Amino acid sequence: MSSNAPRSIDDYLKQLRAALEGEDPALIQDALYDAEEYLRAEVAAHPDKSEADVLELIASTYGAPDEVAAAYRDTEVKVKAALRTPARAAGGHESGARRFFGVFLDPRAYLSLFYMLLTLATGIAYFTFVVTGLSLSAGLAILIVGVPFFLAFIGIARVISLGEGRLLEAITGERMPRRPVHPGPRASWWSRIGDMLTDARTWTTLLYFLIMLPLGTAYFVIAIVGLSIGGRLAIAPLVLIGRHAGWLGEHLSVFDVTVGSHYWSVPSTGSVLGSLLSCALGIVVLTLLMHAARVIARAHARLAKALLVKPGA
């Protein structure tokens, strides 16, 4: 074994972290988890040998820290290439109008819009989960069941955050962790609670779940308002055809709205030109909504990464 070879699992992980310096934090978290999981399993399988002897034994199979780091970099490049949204074939200079309306050909725009609608439900669920979990943890703290309950609550929160990250990666392409942070060697319940309480990621994860309610409400409102206004304007020609065909009432407007006992109606012009202009405006509104959905989803993914991924892993 060379003088620079790791003599313990902690030493190996430090060297691997140093070899991956500058890479995406999510990639570092995945690499450290895989390495620690494998190394601790191998050490447990050879109780008659020291950590240094086991590391030397598996050096030729798992690889040195710099070799593992290089393998992860190569794999990451291939995965990014496979997940990247195919670019549209460029036939010379692409006009501004084509770039603007080309958003309808982007699958991620539809996924982003769907995520904006979904966040109201997930925001309510996350907020309820955190408030209930923290309340019960505080209430049960004086009982012996309070310790395992708190550990289970934080563990479930981290599993949920991992699933949220994978959903955001599928929607936006932002690299998110595919492995949790390894819990490390076996320790007592009190030691694990101390580690969780001092781990900033515990609190940033809970903060993310709490702010998902106001953010999800805002995203949902933006999506619903945009779809409602854009959709109503876009179907103006169909409403005009329905009027002339006798399928709709003569005074029906695409802006007729009834909420409770209140009724609003904004009369729309019955001319063909007016209907076509309304349709064009509706398409523009829907296009702007699709662009906004992509921007919002990407910004939200970066926020989630800042709160859910452990800095430096």
Protein backbone atom coordinates (compact mmCIF):
# COMPACT_ATOMS: atom_id res chain seq x y z
CA MET A 1 0.00 0.00 0.00
CA SER A 2 1.39 3.40 -0.98
CA SER A 3 2.03 6.09 1.60
CA ASN A 4 -0.93 8.10 0.26
CA ALA A 5 -3.34 5.17 0.36
CA PRO A 6 -6.27 5.59 2.75
CA ARG A 7 -5.88 3.75 6.06
CA SER A 8 -9.52 4.05 7.16
CA ILE A 9 -12.98 4.54 5.71
CA ASP A 10 -13.05 8.16 6.87
CA ASP A 11 -9.70 8.75 5.20
CA TYR A 12 -10.97 7.15 1.99
CA LEU A 13 -14.08 9.35 2.00
CA LYS A 14 -12.01 12.49 2.58
CA GLN A 15 -9.79 11.65 -0.38
CA LEU A 16 -12.81 10.87 -2.56
CA ARG A 17 -14.44 14.17 -1.58
CA ALA A 18 -11.22 16.02 -2.41
CA ALA A 19 -10.97 14.22 -5.77
CA LEU A 20 -14.52 15.30 -6.62
CA GLU A 21 -14.00 18.91 -5.56
CA GLY A 22 -15.76 21.30 -7.93
CA GLU A 23 -18.31 18.73 -9.08
CA ASP A 24 -22.05 18.98 -8.57
CA PRO A 25 -22.94 18.58 -4.85
CA ALA A 26 -25.59 16.02 -5.78
CA LEU A 27 -22.98 13.92 -7.60
CA ILE A 28 -20.63 14.14 -4.60
CA GLN A 29 -23.41 13.02 -2.25
CA ASP A 30 -24.17 9.99 -4.45
CA ALA A 31 -20.51 9.02 -4.77
CA LEU A 32 -19.84 9.30 -1.04
CA TYR A 33 -22.94 7.26 -0.21
CA ASP A 34 -22.03 4.46 -2.62
CA ALA A 35 -18.43 4.36 -1.39
CA GLU A 36 -19.32 4.36 2.30
CA GLU A 37 -22.05 1.77 1.83
CA TYR A 38 -19.68 -0.58 0.00
CA LEU A 39 -16.69 -0.05 2.28
CA ARG A 40 -18.61 -0.51 5.53
CA ALA A 41 -20.23 -3.67 4.16
CA GLU A 42 -16.81 -5.07 3.25
CA VAL A 43 -15.36 -4.20 6.66
CA ALA A 44 -18.32 -5.87 8.37
CA ALA A 45 -17.80 -8.97 6.21
CA HIS A 46 -14.16 -9.26 7.39
CA PRO A 47 -14.28 -8.81 11.18
CA ASP A 48 -10.89 -10.49 11.55
CA LYS A 49 -9.12 -7.76 9.55
CA SER A 50 -8.45 -4.08 10.23
CA GLU A 51 -9.94 -1.31 8.08
CA ALA A 52 -6.53 -0.70 6.51
CA ASP A 53 -6.19 -4.36 5.54
CA VAL A 54 -9.71 -4.46 4.08
CA LEU A 55 -9.11 -1.27 2.08
CA GLU A 56 -5.91 -2.75 0.69
CA LEU A 57 -7.74 -5.97 -0.12
CA ILE A 58 -10.50 -4.26 -2.13
CA ALA A 59 -8.30 -1.60 -3.75
CA SER A 60 -8.09 -3.62 -6.94
CA THR A 61 -11.88 -4.16 -7.15
CA TYR A 62 -13.52 -0.92 -6.03
CA GLY A 63 -10.62 1.36 -6.92
CA ALA A 64 -8.63 4.17 -5.33
CA PRO A 65 -10.45 7.44 -4.53
CA ASP A 66 -9.15 9.22 -7.64
CA GLU A 67 -10.14 6.28 -9.85
CA VAL A 68 -13.64 6.21 -8.38
CA ALA A 69 -13.96 9.97 -8.87
CA ALA A 70 -12.93 9.66 -12.53
CA ALA A 71 -15.47 6.86 -13.06
CA TYR A 72 -18.25 8.98 -11.60
CA ARG A 73 -17.32 11.92 -13.83
CA ASP A 74 -17.43 9.74 -16.93
CA THR A 75 -20.75 8.21 -15.93
CA GLU A 76 -22.22 11.64 -15.20
CA VAL A 77 -21.35 12.88 -18.69
CA LYS A 78 -23.07 9.87 -20.28
CA VAL A 79 -26.17 10.21 -18.08
CA LYS A 80 -26.51 13.93 -18.84
CA ALA A 81 -26.23 13.22 -22.57
CA ALA A 82 -28.92 10.53 -22.32
CA LEU A 83 -31.33 12.70 -20.30
CA ARG A 84 -30.83 15.89 -22.29
CA THR A 85 -33.91 17.02 -24.21
CA PRO A 86 -33.23 16.54 -27.94
CA ALA A 87 -32.56 19.85 -29.65
CA ARG A 88 -34.70 20.79 -32.61
CA ALA A 89 -32.97 20.58 -35.94
CA ALA A 90 -31.70 24.01 -36.84
CA GLY A 91 -32.39 24.94 -40.40
CA GLY A 92 -30.36 28.11 -40.55
CA HIS A 93 -31.20 31.13 -38.42
CA GLU A 94 -34.21 30.53 -36.16
CA SER A 95 -36.59 33.46 -36.06
CA GLY A 96 -37.72 35.06 -32.81
CA ALA A 97 -41.31 33.99 -33.43
CA ARG A 98 -40.24 30.39 -33.88
CA ARG A 99 -38.23 30.45 -30.67
CA PHE A 100 -41.15 32.06 -28.86
CA PHE A 101 -43.85 29.66 -30.01
CA GLY A 102 -41.45 26.69 -30.14
CA VAL A 103 -42.01 26.27 -26.40
CA PHE A 104 -45.04 24.15 -27.30
CA LEU A 105 -42.61 21.55 -28.69
CA ASP A 106 -40.65 21.36 -25.44
CA PRO A 107 -41.79 18.41 -23.25
CA ARG A 108 -40.23 20.04 -20.18
CA ALA A 109 -42.57 23.02 -20.55
CA TYR A 110 -45.60 20.77 -20.16
CA LEU A 111 -43.97 18.94 -17.25
CA SER A 112 -43.17 22.27 -15.61
CA LEU A 113 -46.77 23.43 -15.98
CA PHE A 114 -47.98 20.14 -14.51
CA TYR A 115 -45.59 20.61 -11.59
CA MET A 116 -47.00 24.09 -10.93
CA LEU A 117 -50.48 22.57 -10.67
CA LEU A 118 -49.21 19.72 -8.51
CA THR A 119 -47.40 21.90 -5.97
CA LEU A 120 -50.59 23.04 -4.27
CA ALA A 121 -51.36 19.46 -3.23
CA THR A 122 -47.76 18.61 -2.33
CA GLY A 123 -47.35 21.93 -0.50
CA ILE A 124 -50.36 21.19 1.70
CA ALA A 125 -49.14 17.64 2.32
CA TYR A 126 -45.57 18.72 3.16
CA PHE A 127 -46.72 21.55 5.45
CA THR A 128 -49.13 19.24 7.31
CA PHE A 129 -46.44 16.57 7.63
CA VAL A 130 -43.87 18.94 9.13
CA VAL A 131 -46.24 20.71 11.52
CA THR A 132 -47.70 17.41 12.72
CA GLY A 133 -44.30 15.74 13.01
CA LEU A 134 -42.69 18.59 14.95
CA SER A 135 -45.69 18.94 17.25
CA LEU A 136 -45.80 15.24 18.08
CA SER A 137 -42.02 15.09 18.48
CA ALA A 138 -42.15 17.92 21.01
CA GLY A 139 -45.12 16.40 22.79
CA LEU A 140 -43.59 12.93 23.01
CA ALA A 141 -40.13 14.18 23.97
CA ILE A 142 -40.71 13.37 27.66
CA LEU A 143 -41.68 9.78 26.82
CA ILE A 144 -39.39 6.98 25.72
CA VAL A 145 -41.29 6.66 22.43
CA GLY A 146 -40.37 10.26 21.59
CA VAL A 147 -36.83 9.31 20.57
CA PRO A 148 -37.68 6.69 17.91
CA PHE A 149 -40.60 8.84 16.74
CA PHE A 150 -38.33 11.82 16.09
CA LEU A 151 -35.79 9.62 14.29
CA ALA A 152 -38.55 8.13 12.15
CA PHE A 153 -39.96 11.60 11.40
CA ILE A 154 -36.61 12.97 10.19
CA GLY A 155 -35.90 9.76 8.28
CA ILE A 156 -39.23 9.96 6.45
CA ALA A 157 -38.62 13.66 5.73
CA ARG A 158 -35.30 12.80 4.08
CA VAL A 159 -36.89 10.04 2.01
CA ILE A 160 -39.61 12.46 0.86
CA SER A 161 -36.98 15.08 0.01
CA LEU A 162 -35.13 12.49 -2.07
CA GLY A 163 -38.31 11.73 -4.01
CA GLU A 164 -39.01 15.46 -4.47
CA GLY A 165 -35.51 15.89 -5.86
CA ARG A 166 -35.93 13.05 -8.34
CA LEU A 167 -39.23 14.56 -9.51
CA LEU A 168 -37.59 17.94 -10.04
CA GLU A 169 -34.69 16.35 -11.91
CA ALA A 170 -37.09 14.58 -14.27
CA ILE A 171 -39.00 17.81 -14.90
CA THR A 172 -36.19 20.36 -15.17
CA GLY A 173 -33.03 18.33 -15.79
CA GLU A 174 -31.36 19.88 -12.71
CA ARG A 175 -29.04 17.26 -11.18
CA MET A 176 -30.43 16.11 -7.83
CA PRO A 177 -29.22 13.38 -5.45
CA ARG A 178 -30.11 9.80 -6.23
CA ARG A 179 -28.78 8.56 -2.91
CA PRO A 180 -29.35 9.87 0.63
CA VAL A 181 -26.54 10.99 2.90
CA HIS A 182 -25.09 7.88 4.53
CA PRO A 183 -25.91 7.66 8.25
CA GLY A 184 -22.36 6.53 9.02
CA PRO A 185 -21.35 3.81 11.46
CA ARG A 186 -23.82 2.41 13.98
CA ALA A 187 -24.42 4.73 16.91
CA SER A 188 -26.78 5.10 19.86
CA TRP A 189 -30.15 6.78 19.48
CA TRP A 190 -29.02 9.80 21.47
CA SER A 191 -25.93 10.18 19.30
CA ARG A 192 -28.02 9.99 16.14
CA ILE A 193 -30.46 12.58 17.49
CA GLY A 194 -27.54 14.87 18.31
CA ASP A 195 -26.20 14.47 14.78
CA MET A 196 -29.60 15.27 13.28
CA LEU A 197 -30.10 18.33 15.48
CA THR A 198 -26.68 19.71 14.55
CA ASP A 199 -27.03 18.88 10.87
CA ALA A 200 -28.09 22.05 9.03
CA ARG A 201 -29.66 19.93 6.29
CA THR A 202 -32.26 18.66 8.76
CA TRP A 203 -33.59 22.17 9.27
CA THR A 204 -33.23 23.31 5.66
CA THR A 205 -35.23 20.25 4.56
CA LEU A 206 -38.02 21.07 7.00
CA LEU A 207 -37.87 24.72 5.90
CA TYR A 208 -38.30 23.62 2.29
CA PHE A 209 -41.39 21.63 3.19
CA LEU A 210 -42.88 24.60 5.05
CA ILE A 211 -42.33 27.15 2.27
CA MET A 212 -43.75 24.75 -0.29
CA LEU A 213 -47.26 25.74 0.87
CA PRO A 214 -47.02 29.46 -0.05
CA LEU A 215 -44.91 28.70 -3.11
CA GLY A 216 -47.26 25.94 -4.25
CA THR A 217 -50.25 28.24 -3.79
CA ALA A 218 -48.58 30.95 -5.86
CA TYR A 219 -47.57 28.50 -8.61
CA PHE A 220 -51.07 27.02 -8.73
CA VAL A 221 -52.72 30.45 -8.98
CA ILE A 222 -50.35 31.54 -11.77
CA ALA A 223 -51.02 28.36 -13.73
CA ILE A 224 -54.81 28.42 -13.27
CA VAL A 225 -55.16 32.12 -14.08
CA GLY A 226 -52.95 31.79 -17.15
CA LEU A 227 -54.80 28.71 -18.41
CA SER A 228 -58.20 30.27 -17.73
CA ILE A 229 -57.52 33.58 -19.44
CA GLY A 230 -55.51 32.14 -22.31
CA GLY A 231 -57.91 29.26 -22.87
CA ARG A 232 -61.02 31.46 -22.82
CA LEU A 233 -59.50 33.89 -25.30
CA ALA A 234 -58.20 31.11 -27.54
CA ILE A 235 -61.63 29.48 -27.97
CA ALA A 236 -63.34 32.73 -29.01
CA PRO A 237 -63.76 31.55 -32.65
CA LEU A 238 -65.42 28.34 -31.43
CA VAL A 239 -67.84 30.37 -29.31
CA LEU A 240 -68.70 32.53 -32.35
CA ILE A 241 -69.33 29.42 -34.46
CA GLY A 242 -71.47 27.95 -31.68
CA ARG A 243 -73.58 31.11 -31.52
CA HIS A 244 -74.27 31.18 -35.24
CA ALA A 245 -75.03 27.45 -35.24
CA GLY A 246 -77.52 27.91 -32.41
CA TRP A 247 -75.58 25.65 -30.03
CA LEU A 248 -74.93 28.49 -27.54
CA GLY A 249 -77.03 31.33 -26.22
CA GLU A 250 -76.89 34.59 -28.11
CA HIS A 251 -75.50 36.51 -25.16
CA LEU A 252 -72.99 33.90 -23.98
CA SER A 253 -69.52 35.34 -23.59
CA VAL A 254 -66.26 33.50 -23.21
CA PHE A 255 -65.84 35.55 -20.05
CA ASP A 256 -69.09 34.53 -18.35
CA VAL A 257 -68.17 33.61 -14.78
CA THR A 258 -70.37 32.56 -11.88
CA VAL A 259 -68.91 32.33 -8.37
CA GLY A 260 -71.43 31.67 -5.62
CA SER A 261 -74.19 34.25 -5.95
CA HIS A 262 -72.06 36.64 -8.01
CA TYR A 263 -72.16 36.73 -11.80
CA TRP A 264 -69.90 38.64 -14.13
CA SER A 265 -70.15 38.81 -17.89
CA VAL A 266 -67.84 40.69 -20.22
CA PRO A 267 -69.59 40.77 -23.60
CA SER A 268 -67.33 39.73 -26.46
CA THR A 269 -67.65 41.04 -29.98
CA GLY A 270 -69.57 38.88 -32.39
CA SER A 271 -67.37 39.75 -35.34
CA VAL A 272 -65.03 37.29 -36.98
CA LEU A 273 -62.14 39.74 -36.71
CA GLY A 274 -62.74 40.27 -33.00
CA SER A 275 -62.84 36.52 -32.37
CA LEU A 276 -59.62 35.96 -34.30
CA LEU A 277 -57.90 38.74 -32.38
CA SER A 278 -59.08 37.21 -29.11
CA CYS A 279 -57.77 33.82 -30.24
CA ALA A 280 -54.38 35.29 -31.14
CA LEU A 281 -54.17 37.04 -27.77
CA GLY A 282 -55.11 33.82 -26.01
CA ILE A 283 -52.35 31.90 -27.77
CA VAL A 284 -49.84 34.57 -26.76
CA VAL A 285 -51.00 34.33 -23.13
CA LEU A 286 -50.67 30.54 -23.17
CA THR A 287 -47.22 30.80 -24.75
CA LEU A 288 -46.08 33.25 -22.08
CA LEU A 289 -47.43 30.87 -19.44
CA MET A 290 -45.41 27.98 -20.88
CA HIS A 291 -42.23 30.07 -20.84
CA ALA A 292 -42.99 31.22 -17.30
CA ALA A 293 -43.55 27.60 -16.23
CA ARG A 294 -40.10 26.60 -17.46
CA VAL A 295 -38.43 29.53 -15.70
CA ILE A 296 -40.34 28.93 -12.45
CA ALA A 297 -39.59 25.21 -12.45
CA ARG A 298 -35.86 25.76 -13.05
CA ALA A 299 -35.69 28.42 -10.34
CA HIS A 300 -37.57 26.18 -7.93
CA ALA A 301 -35.22 23.27 -8.68
CA ARG A 302 -32.23 25.45 -7.78
CA LEU A 303 -33.95 26.51 -4.55
CA ALA A 304 -34.67 22.87 -3.73
CA LYS A 305 -31.07 21.95 -4.43
CA ALA A 306 -29.81 24.66 -2.09
CA LEU A 307 -32.07 23.44 0.74
CA LEU A 308 -32.18 19.66 0.22
CA VAL A 309 -28.61 18.82 -0.84
CA LYS A 310 -25.95 18.80 1.85
CA PRO A 311 -23.25 21.36 0.94
CA GLY A 312 -20.02 19.58 0.11
CA ALA A 313 -21.88 16.33 0.86
